[in-house]
Amino acid sequence: MIQHREAAIGRWFQMWLEKTDLGIGELFAPDAVYLESWGPEYHGADRIAHWFREWNSRGTVLRWDIRQFFHREDQTVVEWSFRCAMEGEAPSGFEGMSLIRWTPQGRIAFLQEFGCNQDRYDPYRDGPVPKFRDEKAMWF
């Protein structure tokens, strides 16, 4: 079961790298829910497939590396590193984790992403008063 789950997640990431639907309808339950780290959410495998196709018409995933998995009962957490390039923009990336709940049939019922900025710093490096960067916060 664990090997099936890890292979399914790996296939999902590979789809993005190849820009090819390798079976979204088999991977996600018909009523699956997908929550992106920065706000959008998609309800149903058909909507997830539409988002996949539309996003890939204007962007390219350059890297989506799996670091590790955690499994418990009907849930998996996967830690990853992501990098993409959107049309007309410089490449960008972030680190993240996905919380996944599985159906008894081994399909994804729920997936929620959590993102973390890769450009980190210590605001207390120069003393007890924090010095934060004067920049717009990342979208997640």
C-alpha atoms as a PDB file:
ATOM      1  CA  MET A   1       0.000   0.000   0.000  1.00  0.00           C
ATOM      2  CA  ILE A   2       2.772   2.461   0.904  1.00  0.00           C
ATOM      3  CA  GLN A   3       4.634   1.697  -2.323  1.00  0.00           C
ATOM      4  CA  HIS A   4       1.428   2.278  -4.311  1.00  0.00           C
ATOM      5  CA  ARG A   5       0.916   5.663  -2.637  1.00  0.00           C
ATOM      6  CA  GLU A   6       4.480   6.806  -3.202  1.00  0.00           C
ATOM      7  CA  ALA A   7       4.343   5.674  -6.844  1.00  0.00           C
ATOM      8  CA  ALA A   8       1.038   7.537  -7.339  1.00  0.00           C
ATOM      9  CA  ILE A   9       2.486  10.766  -5.941  1.00  0.00           C
ATOM     10  CA  GLY A  10       5.594  10.328  -8.052  1.00  0.00           C
ATOM     11  CA  ARG A  11       3.388   9.867 -11.121  1.00  0.00           C
ATOM     12  CA  TRP A  12       1.487  13.081 -10.291  1.00  0.00           C
ATOM     13  CA  PHE A  13       4.755  15.029 -10.090  1.00  0.00           C
ATOM     14  CA  GLN A  14       6.010  13.385 -13.299  1.00  0.00           C
ATOM     15  CA  MET A  15       2.863  14.471 -15.131  1.00  0.00           C
ATOM     16  CA  TRP A  16       3.770  18.085 -14.397  1.00  0.00           C
ATOM     17  CA  LEU A  17       7.367  17.599 -15.511  1.00  0.00           C
ATOM     18  CA  GLU A  18       6.224  15.996 -18.776  1.00  0.00           C
ATOM     19  CA  LYS A  19       3.185  18.290 -19.222  1.00  0.00           C
ATOM     20  CA  THR A  20       1.194  15.129 -19.961  1.00  0.00           C
ATOM     21  CA  ASP A  21      -1.912  13.691 -18.319  1.00  0.00           C
ATOM     22  CA  LEU A  22      -0.805  10.176 -17.400  1.00  0.00           C
ATOM     23  CA  GLY A  23      -4.112   9.290 -15.762  1.00  0.00           C
ATOM     24  CA  ILE A  24      -5.481  12.103 -13.596  1.00  0.00           C
ATOM     25  CA  GLY A  25      -8.905  10.432 -13.684  1.00  0.00           C
ATOM     26  CA  GLU A  26      -7.466   7.235 -12.224  1.00  0.00           C
ATOM     27  CA  LEU A  27      -5.237   8.995  -9.695  1.00  0.00           C
ATOM     28  CA  PHE A  28      -7.895  11.262  -8.148  1.00  0.00           C
ATOM     29  CA  ALA A  29     -11.300  10.238  -6.839  1.00  0.00           C
ATOM     30  CA  PRO A  30     -14.171  11.758  -8.877  1.00  0.00           C
ATOM     31  CA  ASP A  31     -15.026  14.077  -5.951  1.00  0.00           C
ATOM     32  CA  ALA A  32     -11.422  14.846  -4.911  1.00  0.00           C
ATOM     33  CA  VAL A  33     -10.514  18.251  -3.501  1.00  0.00           C
ATOM     34  CA  TYR A  34      -7.164  19.932  -4.280  1.00  0.00           C
ATOM     35  CA  LEU A  35      -6.044  23.033  -2.353  1.00  0.00           C
ATOM     36  CA  GLU A  36      -3.056  24.970  -3.663  1.00  0.00           C
ATOM     37  CA  SER A  37      -0.750  26.644  -1.126  1.00  0.00           C
ATOM     38  CA  TRP A  38      -1.588  30.161  -2.310  1.00  0.00           C
ATOM     39  CA  GLY A  39      -5.384  29.945  -2.324  1.00  0.00           C
ATOM     40  CA  PRO A  40      -7.015  28.325  -5.365  1.00  0.00           C
ATOM     41  CA  GLU A  41      -8.977  25.134  -4.841  1.00  0.00           C
ATOM     42  CA  TYR A  42     -10.351  22.601  -7.289  1.00  0.00           C
ATOM     43  CA  HIS A  43     -13.286  20.273  -6.685  1.00  0.00           C
ATOM     44  CA  GLY A  44     -13.495  17.034  -8.640  1.00  0.00           C
ATOM     45  CA  ALA A  45     -11.074  15.084 -10.823  1.00  0.00           C
ATOM     46  CA  ASP A  46     -12.462  16.753 -13.958  1.00  0.00           C
ATOM     47  CA  ARG A  47     -11.721  20.233 -12.586  1.00  0.00           C
ATOM     48  CA  ILE A  48      -8.233  19.121 -11.460  1.00  0.00           C
ATOM     49  CA  ALA A  49      -7.576  17.817 -14.992  1.00  0.00           C
ATOM     50  CA  HIS A  50      -8.814  21.100 -16.505  1.00  0.00           C
ATOM     51  CA  TRP A  51      -6.531  23.115 -14.212  1.00  0.00           C
ATOM     52  CA  PHE A  52      -3.593  20.844 -15.128  1.00  0.00           C
ATOM     53  CA  ARG A  53      -4.118  21.347 -18.869  1.00  0.00           C
ATOM     54  CA  GLU A  54      -4.756  25.096 -18.610  1.00  0.00           C
ATOM     55  CA  TRP A  55      -1.776  25.764 -16.294  1.00  0.00           C
ATOM     56  CA  ASN A  56       0.558  23.811 -18.566  1.00  0.00           C
ATOM     57  CA  SER A  57      -0.497  25.972 -21.519  1.00  0.00           C
ATOM     58  CA  ARG A  58       1.171  28.973 -19.859  1.00  0.00           C
ATOM     59  CA  GLY A  59       3.792  27.516 -17.524  1.00  0.00           C
ATOM     60  CA  THR A  60       6.448  24.819 -17.226  1.00  0.00           C
ATOM     61  CA  VAL A  61       7.476  22.854 -14.156  1.00  0.00           C
ATOM     62  CA  LEU A  62      11.268  22.741 -14.215  1.00  0.00           C
ATOM     63  CA  ARG A  63      11.758  20.638 -11.105  1.00  0.00           C
ATOM     64  CA  TRP A  64       9.553  18.924  -8.527  1.00  0.00           C
ATOM     65  CA  ASP A  65      11.789  16.845  -6.291  1.00  0.00           C
ATOM     66  CA  ILE A  66      10.440  14.572  -3.580  1.00  0.00           C
ATOM     67  CA  ARG A  67      12.504  14.704  -0.392  1.00  0.00           C
ATOM     68  CA  GLN A  68      10.624  12.330   1.875  1.00  0.00           C
ATOM     69  CA  PHE A  69       7.294  10.703   2.709  1.00  0.00           C
ATOM     70  CA  PHE A  70       5.405  10.206   5.956  1.00  0.00           C
ATOM     71  CA  HIS A  71       2.516   7.734   6.132  1.00  0.00           C
ATOM     72  CA  ARG A  72      -0.207   7.233   8.740  1.00  0.00           C
ATOM     73  CA  GLU A  73      -3.399   5.265   8.210  1.00  0.00           C
ATOM     74  CA  ASP A  74      -5.204   6.824   5.212  1.00  0.00           C
ATOM     75  CA  GLN A  75      -2.870   9.837   4.998  1.00  0.00           C
ATOM     76  CA  THR A  76       0.480  10.657   3.419  1.00  0.00           C
ATOM     77  CA  VAL A  77       2.619  13.755   3.763  1.00  0.00           C
ATOM     78  CA  VAL A  78       5.237  14.385   1.106  1.00  0.00           C
ATOM     79  CA  GLU A  79       7.981  16.997   1.456  1.00  0.00           C
ATOM     80  CA  TRP A  80       9.192  18.483  -1.825  1.00  0.00           C
ATOM     81  CA  SER A  81      11.058  21.246  -3.639  1.00  0.00           C
ATOM     82  CA  PHE A  82       9.411  22.927  -6.633  1.00  0.00           C
ATOM     83  CA  ARG A  83      10.617  25.224  -9.433  1.00  0.00           C
ATOM     84  CA  CYS A  84       8.677  26.525 -12.424  1.00  0.00           C
ATOM     85  CA  ALA A  85       8.688  29.170 -15.112  1.00  0.00           C
ATOM     86  CA  MET A  86       5.529  30.990 -16.101  1.00  0.00           C
ATOM     87  CA  GLU A  87       5.265  32.473 -19.576  1.00  0.00           C
ATOM     88  CA  GLY A  88       7.134  35.791 -19.697  1.00  0.00           C
ATOM     89  CA  GLU A  89       8.418  35.556 -16.107  1.00  0.00           C
ATOM     90  CA  ALA A  90      11.704  34.543 -14.491  1.00  0.00           C
ATOM     91  CA  PRO A  91      11.795  31.041 -12.972  1.00  0.00           C
ATOM     92  CA  SER A  92      10.772  30.824  -9.327  1.00  0.00           C
ATOM     93  CA  GLY A  93      10.478  28.123  -6.737  1.00  0.00           C
ATOM     94  CA  PHE A  94       9.632  27.201  -3.194  1.00  0.00           C
ATOM     95  CA  GLU A  95       9.739  24.307  -0.777  1.00  0.00           C
ATOM     96  CA  GLY A  96       6.584  22.623   0.351  1.00  0.00           C
ATOM     97  CA  MET A  97       4.631  19.741   1.726  1.00  0.00           C
ATOM     98  CA  SER A  98       1.410  18.124   0.632  1.00  0.00           C
ATOM     99  CA  LEU A  99      -1.084  16.458   2.938  1.00  0.00           C
ATOM    100  CA  ILE A 100      -2.910  13.704   1.076  1.00  0.00           C
ATOM    101  CA  ARG A 101      -5.896  11.611   2.172  1.00  0.00           C
ATOM    102  CA  TRP A 102      -6.595   8.403   0.273  1.00  0.00           C
ATOM    103  CA  THR A 103      -9.817   6.580  -0.542  1.00  0.00           C
ATOM    104  CA  PRO A 104     -10.051   2.886   0.427  1.00  0.00           C
ATOM    105  CA  GLN A 105      -9.498   2.164  -3.299  1.00  0.00           C
ATOM    106  CA  GLY A 106      -6.115   3.956  -3.243  1.00  0.00           C
ATOM    107  CA  ARG A 107      -7.106   7.159  -5.024  1.00  0.00           C
ATOM    108  CA  ILE A 108      -6.434  10.698  -3.824  1.00  0.00           C
ATOM    109  CA  ALA A 109      -9.515  12.083  -2.069  1.00  0.00           C
ATOM    110  CA  PHE A 110      -7.930  15.272  -0.724  1.00  0.00           C
ATOM    111  CA  LEU A 111      -4.636  17.073  -1.330  1.00  0.00           C
ATOM    112  CA  GLN A 112      -3.580  20.281   0.393  1.00  0.00           C
ATOM    113  CA  GLU A 113      -0.271  22.007  -0.342  1.00  0.00           C
ATOM    114  CA  PHE A 114       1.751  24.069   2.123  1.00  0.00           C
ATOM    115  CA  GLY A 115       4.540  26.341   0.832  1.00  0.00           C
ATOM    116  CA  CYS A 116       7.703  27.817   2.328  1.00  0.00           C
ATOM    117  CA  ASN A 117       9.885  30.567   0.880  1.00  0.00           C
ATOM    118  CA  GLN A 118      13.396  29.365  -0.049  1.00  0.00           C
ATOM    119  CA  ASP A 119      14.893  32.835   0.422  1.00  0.00           C
ATOM    120  CA  ARG A 120      15.029  32.819   4.223  1.00  0.00           C
ATOM    121  CA  TYR A 121      16.860  35.116   6.638  1.00  0.00           C
ATOM    122  CA  ASP A 122      17.264  35.858  10.374  1.00  0.00           C
ATOM    123  CA  PRO A 123      15.598  39.201  11.217  1.00  0.00           C
ATOM    124  CA  TYR A 124      17.463  39.230  14.592  1.00  0.00           C
ATOM    125  CA  ARG A 125      20.949  38.698  13.102  1.00  0.00           C
ATOM    126  CA  ASP A 126      22.038  42.255  13.968  1.00  0.00           C
ATOM    127  CA  GLY A 127      20.433  42.544  17.404  1.00  0.00           C
ATOM    128  CA  PRO A 128      17.244  42.292  19.467  1.00  0.00           C
ATOM    129  CA  VAL A 129      15.146  44.535  17.195  1.00  0.00           C
ATOM    130  CA  PRO A 130      13.950  42.659  14.109  1.00  0.00           C
ATOM    131  CA  LYS A 131      14.917  43.949  10.670  1.00  0.00           C
ATOM    132  CA  PHE A 132      12.527  42.626   8.058  1.00  0.00           C
ATOM    133  CA  ARG A 133      13.116  42.931   4.342  1.00  0.00           C
ATOM    134  CA  ASP A 134      11.151  45.617   2.568  1.00  0.00           C
ATOM    135  CA  GLU A 135       9.614  43.338  -0.034  1.00  0.00           C
ATOM    136  CA  LYS A 136       6.303  41.866  -1.018  1.00  0.00           C
ATOM    137  CA  ALA A 137       5.523  38.581   0.707  1.00  0.00           C
ATOM    138  CA  MET A 138       5.454  35.420  -1.384  1.00  0.00           C
ATOM    139  CA  TRP A 139       2.074  34.256  -2.645  1.00  0.00           C
ATOM    140  CA  PHE A 140       1.753  31.290  -0.334  1.00  0.00           C
END
